[in-house]
Amino acid sequence: MNIDLRPGIDSAACTVLLGDLAISFRTLQDAQAFVATLRRRIAEPHPWPRTRCSNAGTIHSQALQEA
């Protein structure tokens, strides 16, 4: 994901660009905090959801891990 931080029209404002999406912030600090949180969440591991099959009672993600 492309994440870009740019100055806004007002000298105190900033805009964070996420691809084609632009999000405006009132301060540079708010924009930097948002970008840091977003990058941290993207970097975190994202395990497969664990769902139970109603008939067999097995967990689908386990079959994927064993393959």
PDB file of N, CA and C in Angstrom:
ATOM      1  N   MET A   1       0.854  -1.171   0.000  1.00  0.00           N
ATOM      2  CA  MET A   1       0.000   0.000   0.000  1.00  0.00           C
ATOM      3  C   MET A   1       0.899   1.233   0.000  1.00  0.00           C
ATOM      4  N   ASN A   2       0.625   2.161  -0.898  1.00  0.00           N
ATOM      5  CA  ASN A   2       1.364   3.407  -0.937  1.00  0.00           C
ATOM      6  C   ASN A   2       0.800   4.369   0.099  1.00  0.00           C
ATOM      7  N   ILE A   3       1.646   4.821   1.010  1.00  0.00           N
ATOM      8  CA  ILE A   3       1.263   5.785   2.034  1.00  0.00           C
ATOM      9  C   ILE A   3       2.177   6.988   1.873  1.00  0.00           C
ATOM     10  N   ASP A   4       1.582   8.162   1.636  1.00  0.00           N
ATOM     11  CA  ASP A   4       2.360   9.371   1.407  1.00  0.00           C
ATOM     12  C   ASP A   4       1.814  10.492   2.278  1.00  0.00           C
ATOM     13  N   LEU A   5       2.697  11.257   2.875  1.00  0.00           N
ATOM     14  CA  LEU A   5       2.326  12.375   3.737  1.00  0.00           C
ATOM     15  C   LEU A   5       2.727  13.660   3.031  1.00  0.00           C
ATOM     16  N   ARG A   6       1.747  14.563   2.827  1.00  0.00           N
ATOM     17  CA  ARG A   6       2.019  15.810   2.111  1.00  0.00           C
ATOM     18  C   ARG A   6       1.468  16.996   2.888  1.00  0.00           C
ATOM     19  N   PRO A   7       2.134  18.136   2.749  1.00  0.00           N
ATOM     20  CA  PRO A   7       1.599  19.342   3.401  1.00  0.00           C
ATOM     21  C   PRO A   7       0.254  19.719   2.783  1.00  0.00           C
ATOM     22  N   GLY A   8      -0.642  20.224   3.618  1.00  0.00           N
ATOM     23  CA  GLY A   8      -1.942  20.658   3.125  1.00  0.00           C
ATOM     24  C   GLY A   8      -1.893  22.102   2.660  1.00  0.00           C
ATOM     25  N   ILE A   9      -3.054  22.646   2.350  1.00  0.00           N
ATOM     26  CA  ILE A   9      -3.147  24.038   1.898  1.00  0.00           C
ATOM     27  C   ILE A   9      -2.734  24.984   3.023  1.00  0.00           C
ATOM     28  N   ASP A  10      -3.251  24.745   4.214  1.00  0.00           N
ATOM     29  CA  ASP A  10      -2.882  25.521   5.390  1.00  0.00           C
ATOM     30  C   ASP A  10      -1.525  25.019   5.878  1.00  0.00           C
ATOM     31  N   SER A  11      -0.690  25.898   6.377  1.00  0.00           N
ATOM     32  CA  SER A  11       0.661  25.489   6.781  1.00  0.00           C
ATOM     33  C   SER A  11       0.656  24.470   7.916  1.00  0.00           C
ATOM     34  N   ALA A  12      -0.382  24.468   8.747  1.00  0.00           N
ATOM     35  CA  ALA A  12      -0.449  23.517   9.855  1.00  0.00           C
ATOM     36  C   ALA A  12      -1.106  22.198   9.448  1.00  0.00           C
ATOM     37  N   ALA A  13      -1.803  22.192   8.324  1.00  0.00           N
ATOM     38  CA  ALA A  13      -2.546  21.005   7.905  1.00  0.00           C
ATOM     39  C   ALA A  13      -1.660  20.059   7.104  1.00  0.00           C
ATOM     40  N   CYS A  14      -2.070  18.790   7.078  1.00  0.00           N
ATOM     41  CA  CYS A  14      -1.380  17.764   6.291  1.00  0.00           C
ATOM     42  C   CYS A  14      -2.409  16.849   5.653  1.00  0.00           C
ATOM     43  N   THR A  15      -1.992  16.217   4.567  1.00  0.00           N
ATOM     44  CA  THR A  15      -2.830  15.247   3.881  1.00  0.00           C
ATOM     45  C   THR A  15      -2.069  13.939   3.781  1.00  0.00           C
ATOM     46  N   VAL A  16      -2.750  12.862   4.137  1.00  0.00           N
ATOM     47  CA  VAL A  16      -2.185  11.524   3.984  1.00  0.00           C
ATOM     48  C   VAL A  16      -2.847  10.914   2.759  1.00  0.00           C
ATOM     49  N   LEU A  17      -2.017  10.457   1.832  1.00  0.00           N
ATOM     50  CA  LEU A  17      -2.517   9.815   0.619  1.00  0.00           C
ATOM     51  C   LEU A  17      -2.341   8.310   0.736  1.00  0.00           C
ATOM     52  N   LEU A  18      -3.432   7.591   0.539  1.00  0.00           N
ATOM     53  CA  LEU A  18      -3.434   6.125   0.534  1.00  0.00           C
ATOM     54  C   LEU A  18      -3.892   5.704  -0.859  1.00  0.00           C
ATOM     55  N   GLY A  19      -2.948   5.582  -1.765  1.00  0.00           N
ATOM     56  CA  GLY A  19      -3.315   5.335  -3.150  1.00  0.00           C
ATOM     57  C   GLY A  19      -4.072   6.542  -3.676  1.00  0.00           C
ATOM     58  N   ASP A  20      -5.326   6.348  -4.085  1.00  0.00           N
ATOM     59  CA  ASP A  20      -6.159   7.436  -4.602  1.00  0.00           C
ATOM     60  C   ASP A  20      -6.956   8.147  -3.509  1.00  0.00           C
ATOM     61  N   LEU A  21      -6.920   7.656  -2.293  1.00  0.00           N
ATOM     62  CA  LEU A  21      -7.677   8.226  -1.188  1.00  0.00           C
ATOM     63  C   LEU A  21      -6.841   9.278  -0.465  1.00  0.00           C
ATOM     64  N   ALA A  22      -7.410  10.463  -0.251  1.00  0.00           N
ATOM     65  CA  ALA A  22      -6.731  11.538   0.475  1.00  0.00           C
ATOM     66  C   ALA A  22      -7.479  11.811   1.776  1.00  0.00           C
ATOM     67  N   ILE A  23      -6.738  11.821   2.897  1.00  0.00           N
ATOM     68  CA  ILE A  23      -7.312  12.082   4.209  1.00  0.00           C
ATOM     69  C   ILE A  23      -6.617  13.307   4.788  1.00  0.00           C
ATOM     70  N   SER A  24      -7.400  14.331   5.140  1.00  0.00           N
ATOM     71  CA  SER A  24      -6.845  15.578   5.669  1.00  0.00           C
ATOM     72  C   SER A  24      -6.779  15.537   7.191  1.00  0.00           C
ATOM     73  N   PHE A  25      -5.713  16.114   7.734  1.00  0.00           N
ATOM     74  CA  PHE A  25      -5.517  16.226   9.170  1.00  0.00           C
ATOM     75  C   PHE A  25      -5.218  17.678   9.514  1.00  0.00           C
ATOM     76  N   ARG A  26      -5.597  18.085  10.711  1.00  0.00           N
ATOM     77  CA  ARG A  26      -5.395  19.477  11.130  1.00  0.00           C
ATOM     78  C   ARG A  26      -3.939  19.791  11.432  1.00  0.00           C
ATOM     79  N   THR A  27      -3.208  18.788  11.908  1.00  0.00           N
ATOM     80  CA  THR A  27      -1.808  19.022  12.278  1.00  0.00           C
ATOM     81  C   THR A  27      -0.909  17.943  11.707  1.00  0.00           C
ATOM     82  N   LEU A  28       0.359  18.283  11.571  1.00  0.00           N
ATOM     83  CA  LEU A  28       1.359  17.316  11.127  1.00  0.00           C
ATOM     84  C   LEU A  28       1.459  16.163  12.120  1.00  0.00           C
ATOM     85  N   GLN A  29       1.380  16.461  13.408  1.00  0.00           N
ATOM     86  CA  GLN A  29       1.480  15.426  14.439  1.00  0.00           C
ATOM     87  C   GLN A  29       0.342  14.412  14.327  1.00  0.00           C
ATOM     88  N   ASP A  30      -0.890  14.890  14.066  1.00  0.00           N
ATOM     89  CA  ASP A  30      -2.021  13.970  13.890  1.00  0.00           C
ATOM     90  C   ASP A  30      -1.811  13.075  12.673  1.00  0.00           C
ATOM     91  N   ALA A  31      -1.330  13.643  11.587  1.00  0.00           N
ATOM     92  CA  ALA A  31      -1.084  12.871  10.367  1.00  0.00           C
ATOM     93  C   ALA A  31       0.010  11.840  10.598  1.00  0.00           C
ATOM     94  N   GLN A  32       1.082  12.237  11.278  1.00  0.00           N
ATOM     95  CA  GLN A  32       2.178  11.304  11.549  1.00  0.00           C
ATOM     96  C   GLN A  32       1.734  10.180  12.470  1.00  0.00           C
ATOM     97  N   ALA A  33       0.903  10.483  13.454  1.00  0.00           N
ATOM     98  CA  ALA A  33       0.391   9.445  14.356  1.00  0.00           C
ATOM     99  C   ALA A  33      -0.485   8.456  13.588  1.00  0.00           C
ATOM    100  N   PHE A  34      -1.323   8.954  12.681  1.00  0.00           N
ATOM    101  CA  PHE A  34      -2.170   8.086  11.870  1.00  0.00           C
ATOM    102  C   PHE A  34      -1.324   7.161  10.996  1.00  0.00           C
ATOM    103  N   VAL A  35      -0.321   7.729  10.336  1.00  0.00           N
ATOM    104  CA  VAL A  35       0.550   6.941   9.461  1.00  0.00           C
ATOM    105  C   VAL A  35       1.300   5.884  10.269  1.00  0.00           C
ATOM    106  N   ALA A  36       1.803   6.248  11.443  1.00  0.00           N
ATOM    107  CA  ALA A  36       2.530   5.286  12.281  1.00  0.00           C
ATOM    108  C   ALA A  36       1.619   4.143  12.711  1.00  0.00           C
ATOM    109  N   THR A  37       0.386   4.462  13.118  1.00  0.00           N
ATOM    110  CA  THR A  37      -0.565   3.428  13.524  1.00  0.00           C
ATOM    111  C   THR A  37      -0.921   2.526  12.347  1.00  0.00           C
ATOM    112  N   LEU A  38      -1.169   3.119  11.197  1.00  0.00           N
ATOM    113  CA  LEU A  38      -1.517   2.344  10.010  1.00  0.00           C
ATOM    114  C   LEU A  38      -0.386   1.406   9.611  1.00  0.00           C
ATOM    115  N   ARG A  39       0.838   1.909   9.585  1.00  0.00           N
ATOM    116  CA  ARG A  39       1.985   1.068   9.214  1.00  0.00           C
ATOM    117  C   ARG A  39       2.192  -0.063  10.222  1.00  0.00           C
ATOM    118  N   ARG A  40       1.991   0.227  11.511  1.00  0.00           N
ATOM    119  CA  ARG A  40       2.135  -0.813  12.535  1.00  0.00           C
ATOM    120  C   ARG A  40       1.076  -1.902  12.340  1.00  0.00           C
ATOM    121  N   ARG A  41      -0.156  -1.497  12.073  1.00  0.00           N
ATOM    122  CA  ARG A  41      -1.231  -2.478  11.883  1.00  0.00           C
ATOM    123  C   ARG A  41      -1.021  -3.310  10.618  1.00  0.00           C
ATOM    124  N   ILE A  42      -0.523  -2.699   9.569  1.00  0.00           N
ATOM    125  CA  ILE A  42      -0.246  -3.438   8.334  1.00  0.00           C
ATOM    126  C   ILE A  42       0.864  -4.456   8.564  1.00  0.00           C
ATOM    127  N   ALA A  43       1.860  -4.088   9.365  1.00  0.00           N
ATOM    128  CA  ALA A  43       3.011  -4.967   9.612  1.00  0.00           C
ATOM    129  C   ALA A  43       2.689  -6.122  10.551  1.00  0.00           C
ATOM    130  N   GLU A  44       1.618  -6.009  11.334  1.00  0.00           N
ATOM    131  CA  GLU A  44       1.259  -7.076  12.273  1.00  0.00           C
ATOM    132  C   GLU A  44       0.842  -8.332  11.511  1.00  0.00           C
ATOM    133  N   PRO A  45       1.071  -9.503  12.103  1.00  0.00           N
ATOM    134  CA  PRO A  45       0.630 -10.748  11.453  1.00  0.00           C
ATOM    135  C   PRO A  45      -0.897 -10.794  11.362  1.00  0.00           C
ATOM    136  N   HIS A  46      -1.374 -11.352  10.291  1.00  0.00           N
ATOM    137  CA  HIS A  46      -2.807 -11.492  10.064  1.00  0.00           C
ATOM    138  C   HIS A  46      -3.121 -12.974   9.847  1.00  0.00           C
ATOM    139  N   PRO A  47      -3.439 -13.702  10.921  1.00  0.00           N
ATOM    140  CA  PRO A  47      -3.708 -15.139  10.777  1.00  0.00           C
ATOM    141  C   PRO A  47      -5.035 -15.387  10.058  1.00  0.00           C
ATOM    142  N   TRP A  48      -5.135 -16.580   9.489  1.00  0.00           N
ATOM    143  CA  TRP A  48      -6.383 -16.980   8.854  1.00  0.00           C
ATOM    144  C   TRP A  48      -7.485 -17.010   9.893  1.00  0.00           C
ATOM    145  N   PRO A  49      -8.702 -16.618   9.518  1.00  0.00           N
ATOM    146  CA  PRO A  49      -9.819 -16.722  10.464  1.00  0.00           C
ATOM    147  C   PRO A  49     -10.090 -18.181  10.795  1.00  0.00           C
ATOM    148  N   ARG A  50     -10.448 -18.450  12.028  1.00  0.00           N
ATOM    149  CA  ARG A  50     -10.732 -19.822  12.447  1.00  0.00           C
ATOM    150  C   ARG A  50     -12.235 -20.003  12.489  1.00  0.00           C
ATOM    151  N   THR A  51     -12.750 -20.790  11.557  1.00  0.00           N
ATOM    152  CA  THR A  51     -14.186 -21.059  11.507  1.00  0.00           C
ATOM    153  C   THR A  51     -14.416 -22.560  11.611  1.00  0.00           C
ATOM    154  N   ARG A  52     -15.453 -22.937  12.275  1.00  0.00           N
ATOM    155  CA  ARG A  52     -15.779 -24.358  12.441  1.00  0.00           C
ATOM    156  C   ARG A  52     -16.794 -24.787  11.382  1.00  0.00           C
ATOM    157  N   CYS A  53     -16.557 -25.960  10.819  1.00  0.00           N
ATOM    158  CA  CYS A  53     -17.516 -26.559   9.892  1.00  0.00           C
ATOM    159  C   CYS A  53     -18.615 -27.196  10.729  1.00  0.00           C
ATOM    160  N   SER A  54     -19.851 -26.969  10.364  1.00  0.00           N
ATOM    161  CA  SER A  54     -20.954 -27.468  11.184  1.00  0.00           C
ATOM    162  C   SER A  54     -21.056 -28.992  11.168  1.00  0.00           C
ATOM    163  N   ASN A  55     -20.737 -29.654  10.056  1.00  0.00           N
ATOM    164  CA  ASN A  55     -20.887 -31.107   9.964  1.00  0.00           C
ATOM    165  C   ASN A  55     -19.748 -31.847  10.650  1.00  0.00           C
ATOM    166  N   ALA A  56     -18.536 -31.544  10.287  1.00  0.00           N
ATOM    167  CA  ALA A  56     -17.399 -32.324  10.770  1.00  0.00           C
ATOM    168  C   ALA A  56     -16.819 -31.763  12.057  1.00  0.00           C
ATOM    169  N   GLY A  57     -17.090 -30.497  12.352  1.00  0.00           N
ATOM    170  CA  GLY A  57     -16.533 -29.901  13.557  1.00  0.00           C
ATOM    171  C   GLY A  57     -15.039 -29.623  13.448  1.00  0.00           C
ATOM    172  N   THR A  58     -14.497 -29.630  12.246  1.00  0.00           N
ATOM    173  CA  THR A  58     -13.080 -29.359  12.072  1.00  0.00           C
ATOM    174  C   THR A  58     -12.867 -27.880  11.783  1.00  0.00           C
ATOM    175  N   ILE A  59     -11.671 -27.471  11.966  1.00  0.00           N
ATOM    176  CA  ILE A  59     -11.334 -26.074  11.717  1.00  0.00           C
ATOM    177  C   ILE A  59     -10.663 -25.982  10.353  1.00  0.00           C
ATOM    178  N   HIS A  60     -11.254 -25.190   9.461  1.00  0.00           N
ATOM    179  CA  HIS A  60     -10.766 -25.053   8.086  1.00  0.00           C
ATOM    180  C   HIS A  60      -9.345 -24.534   8.043  1.00  0.00           C
ATOM    181  N   SER A  61      -8.982 -23.596   8.904  1.00  0.00           N
ATOM    182  CA  SER A  61      -7.650 -23.016   8.847  1.00  0.00           C
ATOM    183  C   SER A  61      -6.579 -24.047   9.197  1.00  0.00           C
ATOM    184  N   GLN A  62      -6.912 -25.059   9.993  1.00  0.00           N
ATOM    185  CA  GLN A  62      -5.942 -26.105  10.315  1.00  0.00           C
ATOM    186  C   GLN A  62      -5.583 -26.899   9.068  1.00  0.00           C
ATOM    187  N   ALA A  63      -6.567 -27.177   8.233  1.00  0.00           N
ATOM    188  CA  ALA A  63      -6.295 -27.917   6.992  1.00  0.00           C
ATOM    189  C   ALA A  63      -5.372 -27.115   6.087  1.00  0.00           C
ATOM    190  N   LEU A  64      -5.537 -25.799   6.049  1.00  0.00           N
ATOM    191  CA  LEU A  64      -4.676 -24.970   5.243  1.00  0.00           C
ATOM    192  C   LEU A  64      -3.254 -24.958   5.778  1.00  0.00           C
ATOM    193  N   GLN A  65      -3.106 -24.960   7.100  1.00  0.00           N
ATOM    194  CA  GLN A  65      -1.788 -24.938   7.713  1.00  0.00           C
ATOM    195  C   GLN A  65      -1.054 -26.257   7.503  1.00  0.00           C
ATOM    196  N   GLU A  66      -1.792 -27.365   7.466  1.00  0.00           N
ATOM    197  CA  GLU A  66      -1.171 -28.668   7.309  1.00  0.00           C
ATOM    198  C   GLU A  66      -0.770 -28.940   5.873  1.00  0.00           C
ATOM    199  N   ALA A  67      -1.380 -28.233   4.923  1.00  0.00           N
ATOM    200  CA  ALA A  67      -1.089 -28.462   3.488  1.00  0.00           C
ATOM    201  C   ALA A  67       0.272 -27.971   3.105  1.00  0.00           C
TER     202      ALA A  67
END
